[in-house]
Amino acid sequence: MINMATNYFMHDVEYILNHGYKDENPRPKYKDGTPAYTISVNQNIRRYDLERGEFPINTLRPISWKSAIKEIFWIYQNASNDLEILNNKYNIKYWNDWQSKDMPNTIGQRYGATVKRYDLVKNLIKSINEDPFGRHKIMNLWQETDLKETDGLLPCAFLTMWSVRKNLAGKNFLDMTLIQRSGDMLAASGGGGVNEVQYAALLMMIARHCDLLPGVFVHFVQNEQIYDRHIEQAKKMQQRFINMTMDEFYHEYEHKTPTLILKDDAKDFYTMTIDDFEMIDYEPIKPQIKFELGI
């Protein structure tokens, strides 16, 4: 059975290509200076129940899940905006294109710098532990003071809302909703892409730290787009999906369901490393598909 994230992704690609609208006067540009136009839809939403094994990772191309989770370490665990940490500790370089002019070698007063300034993770964990069924559990990276303080990329995935839930068997689960203002669907934000992988992992990490079970992860994207220079890649992924579906139908082949495992001895959010995670039964279609990014 083709996994939920891949099905979501394919449905959304087809919907955007058939019903999306073209933007006007786009801010991003490709490296050659050409405006990076997109085809978009508004208010896209996807839902995954991690308890039922619905981990969101796309199988139509390899997703760099380890790098995705390392970004979460940088932003929420290290609470950092420092590109040297990202480059040297985690070997991730693609954020360098968004280096701040006001704060060199950083992405400005953004992301991890905001987490640190407002103690967002510590306050979240404190709220979960002291008032688990309260309704005030929010981490918000969209702080107007911070955004006006320096230049830098405005946060895309900027808000998480958290809720504890007890099921009929008496088990306590942690549910989380991610709100994203804008998403490059093929490169990062689409079903099972980098953004969903990393924030589902963040849910798992916070749940473990608070002695809860990871529950439902919902991803809402206000504006989700396909770039004009990604159209051919989208069509290639459509063909891969068709081939997968035919393979299942004609050969009675059931695709494995990929799952991310957080090892049992990883209990402290602040000391978790990438070695505490294991991805099992993930067999994406190769070779990799590359995308030219709008900066």
C-alpha atoms as a PDB file:
ATOM      1  CA  MET A   1       0.000   0.000   0.000  1.00  0.00           C
ATOM      2  CA  ILE A   2       1.381   3.406  -0.998  1.00  0.00           C
ATOM      3  CA  ASN A   3       1.935   5.448   2.155  1.00  0.00           C
ATOM      4  CA  MET A   4      -0.332   8.338   3.159  1.00  0.00           C
ATOM      5  CA  ALA A   5       2.220  11.117   2.648  1.00  0.00           C
ATOM      6  CA  THR A   6       2.935  10.041  -0.926  1.00  0.00           C
ATOM      7  CA  ASN A   7      -0.790   9.887  -1.684  1.00  0.00           C
ATOM      8  CA  TYR A   8      -1.309  13.354  -0.193  1.00  0.00           C
ATOM      9  CA  PHE A   9       1.605  14.681  -2.218  1.00  0.00           C
ATOM     10  CA  MET A  10       0.332  13.327  -5.499  1.00  0.00           C
ATOM     11  CA  HIS A  11      -3.201  14.595  -4.917  1.00  0.00           C
ATOM     12  CA  ASP A  12      -1.883  18.073  -4.101  1.00  0.00           C
ATOM     13  CA  VAL A  13       0.463  18.218  -7.095  1.00  0.00           C
ATOM     14  CA  GLU A  14      -2.395  17.388  -9.445  1.00  0.00           C
ATOM     15  CA  TYR A  15      -4.697  19.888  -7.759  1.00  0.00           C
ATOM     16  CA  ILE A  16      -2.151  22.717  -7.968  1.00  0.00           C
ATOM     17  CA  LEU A  17      -1.305  22.032 -11.608  1.00  0.00           C
ATOM     18  CA  ASN A  18      -4.984  21.862 -12.559  1.00  0.00           C
ATOM     19  CA  HIS A  19      -6.501  24.540 -10.316  1.00  0.00           C
ATOM     20  CA  GLY A  20      -3.677  26.733  -9.014  1.00  0.00           C
ATOM     21  CA  TYR A  21      -3.176  30.415  -9.794  1.00  0.00           C
ATOM     22  CA  LYS A  22      -0.030  32.168 -10.992  1.00  0.00           C
ATOM     23  CA  ASP A  23       1.428  34.782  -8.691  1.00  0.00           C
ATOM     24  CA  GLU A  24       2.376  38.363  -9.617  1.00  0.00           C
ATOM     25  CA  ASN A  25       5.578  40.301  -8.843  1.00  0.00           C
ATOM     26  CA  PRO A  26       7.233  37.462  -6.906  1.00  0.00           C
ATOM     27  CA  ARG A  27       9.892  38.352  -4.335  1.00  0.00           C
ATOM     28  CA  PRO A  28      12.140  35.284  -4.911  1.00  0.00           C
ATOM     29  CA  LYS A  29      14.535  35.129  -7.833  1.00  0.00           C
ATOM     30  CA  TYR A  30      16.583  32.310  -9.285  1.00  0.00           C
ATOM     31  CA  LYS A  31      20.365  32.636  -9.133  1.00  0.00           C
ATOM     32  CA  ASP A  32      20.416  33.965 -12.703  1.00  0.00           C
ATOM     33  CA  GLY A  33      18.197  36.871 -11.604  1.00  0.00           C
ATOM     34  CA  THR A  34      15.009  35.622 -13.259  1.00  0.00           C
ATOM     35  CA  PRO A  35      11.842  36.129 -11.184  1.00  0.00           C
ATOM     36  CA  ALA A  36      10.744  32.819  -9.634  1.00  0.00           C
ATOM     37  CA  TYR A  37       7.055  32.552 -10.525  1.00  0.00           C
ATOM     38  CA  THR A  38       4.829  29.942  -8.921  1.00  0.00           C
ATOM     39  CA  ILE A  39       1.495  28.200  -9.312  1.00  0.00           C
ATOM     40  CA  SER A  40      -0.224  28.195  -5.912  1.00  0.00           C
ATOM     41  CA  VAL A  41      -3.219  27.131  -3.897  1.00  0.00           C
ATOM     42  CA  ASN A  42      -4.272  28.520  -0.540  1.00  0.00           C
ATOM     43  CA  GLN A  43      -5.133  26.785   2.717  1.00  0.00           C
ATOM     44  CA  ASN A  44      -3.770  23.301   2.151  1.00  0.00           C
ATOM     45  CA  ILE A  45      -3.968  20.821   5.026  1.00  0.00           C
ATOM     46  CA  ARG A  46      -2.759  17.274   5.768  1.00  0.00           C
ATOM     47  CA  ARG A  47      -3.256  15.024   8.813  1.00  0.00           C
ATOM     48  CA  TYR A  48      -1.204  12.082  10.095  1.00  0.00           C
ATOM     49  CA  ASP A  49      -1.773   9.812  13.090  1.00  0.00           C
ATOM     50  CA  LEU A  50       1.686   8.753  14.250  1.00  0.00           C
ATOM     51  CA  GLU A  51       0.162   6.194  16.621  1.00  0.00           C
ATOM     52  CA  ARG A  52      -1.158   4.334  13.568  1.00  0.00           C
ATOM     53  CA  GLY A  53       2.183   4.400  11.782  1.00  0.00           C
ATOM     54  CA  GLU A  54       1.343   7.279   9.440  1.00  0.00           C
ATOM     55  CA  PHE A  55       4.779   8.859   9.523  1.00  0.00           C
ATOM     56  CA  PRO A  56       4.997  11.550   6.800  1.00  0.00           C
ATOM     57  CA  ILE A  57       7.824  10.820   4.392  1.00  0.00           C
ATOM     58  CA  ASN A  58       7.554  10.864   0.599  1.00  0.00           C
ATOM     59  CA  THR A  59       8.676   7.807  -1.380  1.00  0.00           C
ATOM     60  CA  LEU A  60       8.659   9.371  -4.867  1.00  0.00           C
ATOM     61  CA  ARG A  61      12.202  10.648  -4.326  1.00  0.00           C
ATOM     62  CA  PRO A  62      14.754  10.310  -1.509  1.00  0.00           C
ATOM     63  CA  ILE A  63      14.057  12.762   1.317  1.00  0.00           C
ATOM     64  CA  SER A  64      17.151  13.801   3.303  1.00  0.00           C
ATOM     65  CA  TRP A  65      15.493  12.997   6.594  1.00  0.00           C
ATOM     66  CA  LYS A  66      18.640  13.237   8.692  1.00  0.00           C
ATOM     67  CA  SER A  67      19.399  16.763   7.469  1.00  0.00           C
ATOM     68  CA  ALA A  68      15.760  17.689   8.082  1.00  0.00           C
ATOM     69  CA  ILE A  69      15.965  16.610  11.721  1.00  0.00           C
ATOM     70  CA  LYS A  70      19.348  18.303  12.162  1.00  0.00           C
ATOM     71  CA  GLU A  71      17.681  21.596  11.235  1.00  0.00           C
ATOM     72  CA  ILE A  72      15.262  21.001  14.111  1.00  0.00           C
ATOM     73  CA  PHE A  73      18.223  20.493  16.462  1.00  0.00           C
ATOM     74  CA  TRP A  74      19.722  23.786  15.253  1.00  0.00           C
ATOM     75  CA  ILE A  75      16.511  25.786  15.636  1.00  0.00           C
ATOM     76  CA  TYR A  76      14.891  24.298  18.742  1.00  0.00           C
ATOM     77  CA  GLN A  77      17.585  22.395  20.634  1.00  0.00           C
ATOM     78  CA  ASN A  78      20.551  24.714  20.058  1.00  0.00           C
ATOM     79  CA  ALA A  79      18.196  27.714  19.754  1.00  0.00           C
ATOM     80  CA  SER A  80      20.609  29.181  17.230  1.00  0.00           C
ATOM     81  CA  ASN A  81      20.656  31.369  14.121  1.00  0.00           C
ATOM     82  CA  ASP A  82      24.420  30.841  13.665  1.00  0.00           C
ATOM     83  CA  LEU A  83      25.306  29.544  10.212  1.00  0.00           C
ATOM     84  CA  GLU A  84      28.710  28.324  11.386  1.00  0.00           C
ATOM     85  CA  ILE A  85      26.991  25.908  13.767  1.00  0.00           C
ATOM     86  CA  LEU A  86      24.697  24.738  10.979  1.00  0.00           C
ATOM     87  CA  ASN A  87      27.603  24.389   8.526  1.00  0.00           C
ATOM     88  CA  ASN A  88      30.216  22.836  10.801  1.00  0.00           C
ATOM     89  CA  LYS A  89      28.216  20.850  13.358  1.00  0.00           C
ATOM     90  CA  TYR A  90      25.488  19.589  11.042  1.00  0.00           C
ATOM     91  CA  ASN A  91      27.131  19.923   7.593  1.00  0.00           C
ATOM     92  CA  ILE A  92      24.117  21.805   6.185  1.00  0.00           C
ATOM     93  CA  LYS A  93      25.002  24.637   3.789  1.00  0.00           C
ATOM     94  CA  TYR A  94      21.879  25.589   1.842  1.00  0.00           C
ATOM     95  CA  TRP A  95      20.701  28.124   4.445  1.00  0.00           C
ATOM     96  CA  ASN A  96      23.788  30.201   3.593  1.00  0.00           C
ATOM     97  CA  ASP A  97      21.889  31.822   0.715  1.00  0.00           C
ATOM     98  CA  TRP A  98      19.737  33.604   3.339  1.00  0.00           C
ATOM     99  CA  GLN A  99      22.624  35.087   5.340  1.00  0.00           C
ATOM    100  CA  SER A 100      21.713  38.365   7.042  1.00  0.00           C
ATOM    101  CA  LYS A 101      23.449  41.590   6.071  1.00  0.00           C
ATOM    102  CA  ASP A 102      22.659  43.085   9.483  1.00  0.00           C
ATOM    103  CA  MET A 103      23.992  40.065  11.418  1.00  0.00           C
ATOM    104  CA  PRO A 104      26.751  38.428   9.314  1.00  0.00           C
ATOM    105  CA  ASN A 105      27.213  34.657   9.583  1.00  0.00           C
ATOM    106  CA  THR A 106      23.625  34.295  10.811  1.00  0.00           C
ATOM    107  CA  ILE A 107      20.133  34.321   9.311  1.00  0.00           C
ATOM    108  CA  GLY A 108      19.309  37.377  11.416  1.00  0.00           C
ATOM    109  CA  GLN A 109      17.000  37.585  14.416  1.00  0.00           C
ATOM    110  CA  ARG A 110      15.018  34.614  13.130  1.00  0.00           C
ATOM    111  CA  TYR A 111      14.108  31.014  13.931  1.00  0.00           C
ATOM    112  CA  GLY A 112      16.477  29.731  16.652  1.00  0.00           C
ATOM    113  CA  ALA A 113      17.325  33.243  17.809  1.00  0.00           C
ATOM    114  CA  THR A 114      13.625  33.801  18.484  1.00  0.00           C
ATOM    115  CA  VAL A 115      13.356  30.434  20.258  1.00  0.00           C
ATOM    116  CA  LYS A 116      16.221  31.501  22.534  1.00  0.00           C
ATOM    117  CA  ARG A 117      14.995  35.057  23.170  1.00  0.00           C
ATOM    118  CA  TYR A 118      11.563  33.921  24.384  1.00  0.00           C
ATOM    119  CA  ASP A 119      12.543  30.536  25.891  1.00  0.00           C
ATOM    120  CA  LEU A 120       9.938  28.937  23.641  1.00  0.00           C
ATOM    121  CA  VAL A 121      10.930  25.288  24.122  1.00  0.00           C
ATOM    122  CA  LYS A 122      11.438  25.563  27.882  1.00  0.00           C
ATOM    123  CA  ASN A 123       8.097  27.319  28.283  1.00  0.00           C
ATOM    124  CA  LEU A 124       6.355  24.695  26.146  1.00  0.00           C
ATOM    125  CA  ILE A 125       7.785  21.790  28.141  1.00  0.00           C
ATOM    126  CA  LYS A 126       6.950  23.538  31.425  1.00  0.00           C
ATOM    127  CA  SER A 127       3.341  24.064  30.288  1.00  0.00           C
ATOM    128  CA  ILE A 128       2.956  20.444  29.171  1.00  0.00           C
ATOM    129  CA  ASN A 129       4.330  19.106  32.438  1.00  0.00           C
ATOM    130  CA  GLU A 130       2.495  21.465  34.792  1.00  0.00           C
ATOM    131  CA  ASP A 131      -0.830  21.879  32.979  1.00  0.00           C
ATOM    132  CA  PRO A 132      -1.049  19.057  30.428  1.00  0.00           C
ATOM    133  CA  PHE A 133      -4.662  19.631  29.387  1.00  0.00           C
ATOM    134  CA  GLY A 134      -4.384  23.408  29.214  1.00  0.00           C
ATOM    135  CA  ARG A 135      -4.959  25.154  25.888  1.00  0.00           C
ATOM    136  CA  HIS A 136      -2.100  27.650  25.882  1.00  0.00           C
ATOM    137  CA  LYS A 137       0.682  25.559  24.345  1.00  0.00           C
ATOM    138  CA  ILE A 138       2.025  27.586  21.423  1.00  0.00           C
ATOM    139  CA  MET A 139       5.492  28.257  20.012  1.00  0.00           C
ATOM    140  CA  ASN A 140       5.401  31.293  17.731  1.00  0.00           C
ATOM    141  CA  LEU A 141       8.414  32.279  15.620  1.00  0.00           C
ATOM    142  CA  TRP A 142       6.529  35.224  14.097  1.00  0.00           C
ATOM    143  CA  GLN A 143       7.557  37.951  16.543  1.00  0.00           C
ATOM    144  CA  GLU A 144       7.184  41.431  15.027  1.00  0.00           C
ATOM    145  CA  THR A 145       9.956  42.890  17.197  1.00  0.00           C
ATOM    146  CA  ASP A 146      12.394  40.281  15.907  1.00  0.00           C
ATOM    147  CA  LEU A 147      11.355  40.649  12.277  1.00  0.00           C
ATOM    148  CA  LYS A 148      11.913  44.422  12.388  1.00  0.00           C
ATOM    149  CA  GLU A 149      15.231  44.155  14.219  1.00  0.00           C
ATOM    150  CA  THR A 150      17.248  42.705  11.317  1.00  0.00           C
ATOM    151  CA  ASP A 151      16.897  41.631   7.734  1.00  0.00           C
ATOM    152  CA  GLY A 152      16.492  37.932   6.953  1.00  0.00           C
ATOM    153  CA  LEU A 153      14.108  35.350   5.597  1.00  0.00           C
ATOM    154  CA  LEU A 154      10.682  35.637   7.160  1.00  0.00           C
ATOM    155  CA  PRO A 155       9.863  32.355   8.929  1.00  0.00           C
ATOM    156  CA  CYS A 156       7.939  29.957   6.678  1.00  0.00           C
ATOM    157  CA  ALA A 157       6.995  27.228   9.176  1.00  0.00           C
ATOM    158  CA  PHE A 158       6.414  29.630  12.038  1.00  0.00           C
ATOM    159  CA  LEU A 159       3.788  28.378  14.517  1.00  0.00           C
ATOM    160  CA  THR A 160       3.176  25.142  16.399  1.00  0.00           C
ATOM    161  CA  MET A 161       0.187  24.431  18.653  1.00  0.00           C
ATOM    162  CA  TRP A 162       0.285  21.527  21.101  1.00  0.00           C
ATOM    163  CA  SER A 163      -2.423  19.589  22.945  1.00  0.00           C
ATOM    164  CA  VAL A 164      -2.402  16.611  25.318  1.00  0.00           C
ATOM    165  CA  ARG A 165      -5.126  14.013  24.752  1.00  0.00           C
ATOM    166  CA  LYS A 166      -6.146  10.929  26.724  1.00  0.00           C
ATOM    167  CA  ASN A 167      -7.578   8.082  24.634  1.00  0.00           C
ATOM    168  CA  LEU A 168     -10.207   5.566  25.707  1.00  0.00           C
ATOM    169  CA  ALA A 169      -7.506   3.191  26.936  1.00  0.00           C
ATOM    170  CA  GLY A 170      -6.189   5.854  29.303  1.00  0.00           C
ATOM    171  CA  LYS A 171      -2.988   6.590  27.362  1.00  0.00           C
ATOM    172  CA  ASN A 172      -1.830  10.193  27.071  1.00  0.00           C
ATOM    173  CA  PHE A 173      -0.879  11.479  23.634  1.00  0.00           C
ATOM    174  CA  LEU A 174       0.666  14.735  22.449  1.00  0.00           C
ATOM    175  CA  ASP A 175      -0.880  16.194  19.286  1.00  0.00           C
ATOM    176  CA  MET A 176       0.650  19.048  17.325  1.00  0.00           C
ATOM    177  CA  THR A 177      -0.409  21.361  14.504  1.00  0.00           C
ATOM    178  CA  LEU A 178       2.182  23.122  12.336  1.00  0.00           C
ATOM    179  CA  ILE A 179       1.149  26.377  10.661  1.00  0.00           C
ATOM    180  CA  GLN A 180       3.198  27.418   7.647  1.00  0.00           C
ATOM    181  CA  ARG A 181       2.645  30.702   5.806  1.00  0.00           C
ATOM    182  CA  SER A 182       4.278  29.591   2.547  1.00  0.00           C
ATOM    183  CA  GLY A 183       5.668  26.359   1.176  1.00  0.00           C
ATOM    184  CA  ASP A 184       7.748  25.253  -1.813  1.00  0.00           C
ATOM    185  CA  MET A 185       5.826  22.049  -2.356  1.00  0.00           C
ATOM    186  CA  LEU A 186       8.258  19.901  -4.298  1.00  0.00           C
ATOM    187  CA  ALA A 187      11.416  20.963  -2.497  1.00  0.00           C
ATOM    188  CA  ALA A 188      10.211  21.085   1.115  1.00  0.00           C
ATOM    189  CA  SER A 189       6.606  21.614   2.197  1.00  0.00           C
ATOM    190  CA  GLY A 190       4.592  18.975   0.330  1.00  0.00           C
ATOM    191  CA  GLY A 191       3.264  15.692   1.672  1.00  0.00           C
ATOM    192  CA  GLY A 192       6.133  13.804   3.294  1.00  0.00           C
ATOM    193  CA  GLY A 193       8.671  16.489   2.448  1.00  0.00           C
ATOM    194  CA  VAL A 194      11.387  18.001   4.616  1.00  0.00           C
ATOM    195  CA  ASN A 195       9.032  20.186   6.660  1.00  0.00           C
ATOM    196  CA  GLU A 196       6.690  17.354   7.597  1.00  0.00           C
ATOM    197  CA  VAL A 197       9.521  14.965   8.406  1.00  0.00           C
ATOM    198  CA  GLN A 198      11.250  17.429  10.707  1.00  0.00           C
ATOM    199  CA  TYR A 199       8.186  18.648  12.574  1.00  0.00           C
ATOM    200  CA  ALA A 200       6.812  15.132  13.047  1.00  0.00           C
ATOM    201  CA  ALA A 201      10.230  14.313  14.525  1.00  0.00           C
ATOM    202  CA  LEU A 202       9.977  17.385  16.778  1.00  0.00           C
ATOM    203  CA  LEU A 203       6.606  16.102  17.997  1.00  0.00           C
ATOM    204  CA  MET A 204       8.205  12.756  18.807  1.00  0.00           C
ATOM    205  CA  MET A 205      11.051  14.438  20.694  1.00  0.00           C
ATOM    206  CA  ILE A 206       8.884  16.699  22.841  1.00  0.00           C
ATOM    207  CA  ALA A 207       6.440  13.858  23.540  1.00  0.00           C
ATOM    208  CA  ARG A 208       9.266  11.600  24.728  1.00  0.00           C
ATOM    209  CA  HIS A 209      10.760  14.313  26.931  1.00  0.00           C
ATOM    210  CA  CYS A 210       7.351  14.826  28.599  1.00  0.00           C
ATOM    211  CA  ASP A 211       6.653  11.084  28.956  1.00  0.00           C
ATOM    212  CA  LEU A 212       3.797  11.178  26.441  1.00  0.00           C
ATOM    213  CA  LEU A 213       3.093   9.253  23.241  1.00  0.00           C
ATOM    214  CA  PRO A 214       3.303  11.049  19.877  1.00  0.00           C
ATOM    215  CA  GLY A 215      -0.201  11.410  18.484  1.00  0.00           C
ATOM    216  CA  VAL A 216      -1.694  13.349  15.587  1.00  0.00           C
ATOM    217  CA  PHE A 217       0.407  15.707  13.464  1.00  0.00           C
ATOM    218  CA  VAL A 218      -1.462  18.224  11.306  1.00  0.00           C
ATOM    219  CA  HIS A 219       0.239  20.450   8.722  1.00  0.00           C
ATOM    220  CA  PHE A 220      -1.519  23.576   7.459  1.00  0.00           C
ATOM    221  CA  VAL A 221       0.071  25.619   4.654  1.00  0.00           C
ATOM    222  CA  GLN A 222      -1.554  28.961   3.879  1.00  0.00           C
ATOM    223  CA  ASN A 223       0.043  29.245   0.425  1.00  0.00           C
ATOM    224  CA  GLU A 224       1.575  26.128  -1.134  1.00  0.00           C
ATOM    225  CA  GLN A 225       3.227  26.494  -4.490  1.00  0.00           C
ATOM    226  CA  ILE A 226       5.019  24.791  -7.357  1.00  0.00           C
ATOM    227  CA  TYR A 227       7.723  26.905  -8.963  1.00  0.00           C
ATOM    228  CA  ASP A 228       7.677  27.395 -12.717  1.00  0.00           C
ATOM    229  CA  ARG A 229      11.069  25.697 -12.979  1.00  0.00           C
ATOM    230  CA  HIS A 230       9.742  22.681 -11.070  1.00  0.00           C
ATOM    231  CA  ILE A 231       6.959  21.764 -13.496  1.00  0.00           C
ATOM    232  CA  GLU A 232       8.968  19.087 -15.290  1.00  0.00           C
ATOM    233  CA  GLN A 233      10.052  17.579 -11.985  1.00  0.00           C
ATOM    234  CA  ALA A 234       6.405  17.503 -10.876  1.00  0.00           C
ATOM    235  CA  LYS A 235       5.477  15.602 -14.029  1.00  0.00           C
ATOM    236  CA  LYS A 236       8.336  13.158 -13.470  1.00  0.00           C
ATOM    237  CA  MET A 237       7.058  12.465  -9.962  1.00  0.00           C
ATOM    238  CA  GLN A 238       3.547  11.987 -11.333  1.00  0.00           C
ATOM    239  CA  GLN A 239       4.908   9.311 -13.661  1.00  0.00           C
ATOM    240  CA  ARG A 240       6.747   7.630 -10.803  1.00  0.00           C
ATOM    241  CA  PHE A 241       3.474   7.525  -8.852  1.00  0.00           C
ATOM    242  CA  ILE A 242       1.645   5.987 -11.815  1.00  0.00           C
ATOM    243  CA  ASN A 243       4.354   3.343 -12.099  1.00  0.00           C
ATOM    244  CA  MET A 244       4.104   2.562  -8.373  1.00  0.00           C
ATOM    245  CA  THR A 245       0.333   2.226  -8.605  1.00  0.00           C
ATOM    246  CA  MET A 246       0.554  -0.072 -11.631  1.00  0.00           C
ATOM    247  CA  ASP A 247       3.213  -2.122  -9.875  1.00  0.00           C
ATOM    248  CA  GLU A 248       0.863  -2.677  -6.941  1.00  0.00           C
ATOM    249  CA  PHE A 249      -2.120  -3.472  -9.149  1.00  0.00           C
ATOM    250  CA  TYR A 250      -0.551  -5.826 -11.679  1.00  0.00           C
ATOM    251  CA  HIS A 251       2.035  -7.534  -9.521  1.00  0.00           C
ATOM    252  CA  GLU A 252       0.100  -7.636  -6.220  1.00  0.00           C
ATOM    253  CA  TYR A 253       3.056  -5.902  -4.628  1.00  0.00           C
ATOM    254  CA  GLU A 254       2.521  -4.086  -1.335  1.00  0.00           C
ATOM    255  CA  HIS A 255       4.905  -1.213  -0.685  1.00  0.00           C
ATOM    256  CA  LYS A 256       6.443  -1.053   2.768  1.00  0.00           C
ATOM    257  CA  THR A 257       5.304   1.646   5.157  1.00  0.00           C
ATOM    258  CA  PRO A 258       8.299   3.752   6.260  1.00  0.00           C
ATOM    259  CA  THR A 259       8.532   4.562   9.955  1.00  0.00           C
ATOM    260  CA  LEU A 260      10.792   6.804  12.009  1.00  0.00           C
ATOM    261  CA  ILE A 261      11.922   5.269  15.312  1.00  0.00           C
ATOM    262  CA  LEU A 262      13.166   7.263  18.311  1.00  0.00           C
ATOM    263  CA  LYS A 263      15.270   4.891  20.385  1.00  0.00           C
ATOM    264  CA  ASP A 264      13.999   3.998  23.856  1.00  0.00           C
ATOM    265  CA  ASP A 265      16.959   5.452  25.752  1.00  0.00           C
ATOM    266  CA  ALA A 266      16.539   8.915  24.174  1.00  0.00           C
ATOM    267  CA  LYS A 267      14.562  10.705  26.878  1.00  0.00           C
ATOM    268  CA  ASP A 268      16.042  14.209  27.231  1.00  0.00           C
ATOM    269  CA  PHE A 269      15.113  16.618  24.429  1.00  0.00           C
ATOM    270  CA  TYR A 270      18.321  18.608  24.843  1.00  0.00           C
ATOM    271  CA  THR A 271      20.694  15.655  24.494  1.00  0.00           C
ATOM    272  CA  MET A 272      19.021  13.824  21.601  1.00  0.00           C
ATOM    273  CA  THR A 273      21.180  13.378  18.499  1.00  0.00           C
ATOM    274  CA  ILE A 274      20.589  12.108  15.001  1.00  0.00           C
ATOM    275  CA  ASP A 275      21.946   8.726  16.113  1.00  0.00           C
ATOM    276  CA  ASP A 276      18.881   8.367  18.355  1.00  0.00           C
ATOM    277  CA  PHE A 277      16.706   8.108  15.227  1.00  0.00           C
ATOM    278  CA  GLU A 278      16.314   5.207  12.831  1.00  0.00           C
ATOM    279  CA  MET A 279      14.243   5.155   9.646  1.00  0.00           C
ATOM    280  CA  ILE A 280      12.972   1.693   8.784  1.00  0.00           C
ATOM    281  CA  ASP A 281      11.347   0.337   5.607  1.00  0.00           C
ATOM    282  CA  TYR A 282      12.090   3.527   3.653  1.00  0.00           C
ATOM    283  CA  GLU A 283      12.693   2.610   0.020  1.00  0.00           C
ATOM    284  CA  PRO A 284      12.285   5.799  -2.054  1.00  0.00           C
ATOM    285  CA  ILE A 285      12.474   5.824  -5.822  1.00  0.00           C
ATOM    286  CA  LYS A 286      15.864   6.840  -7.201  1.00  0.00           C
ATOM    287  CA  PRO A 287      17.656   8.714  -8.643  1.00  0.00           C
ATOM    288  CA  GLN A 288      17.209  11.950  -6.746  1.00  0.00           C
ATOM    289  CA  ILE A 289      15.298  14.803  -8.393  1.00  0.00           C
ATOM    290  CA  LYS A 290      16.924  18.220  -8.029  1.00  0.00           C
ATOM    291  CA  PHE A 291      15.223  21.606  -7.799  1.00  0.00           C
ATOM    292  CA  GLU A 292      16.470  25.101  -8.552  1.00  0.00           C
ATOM    293  CA  LEU A 293      15.452  27.237  -5.578  1.00  0.00           C
ATOM    294  CA  GLY A 294      14.009  30.733  -5.613  1.00  0.00           C
ATOM    295  CA  ILE A 295      16.055  32.861  -3.195  1.00  0.00           C
END
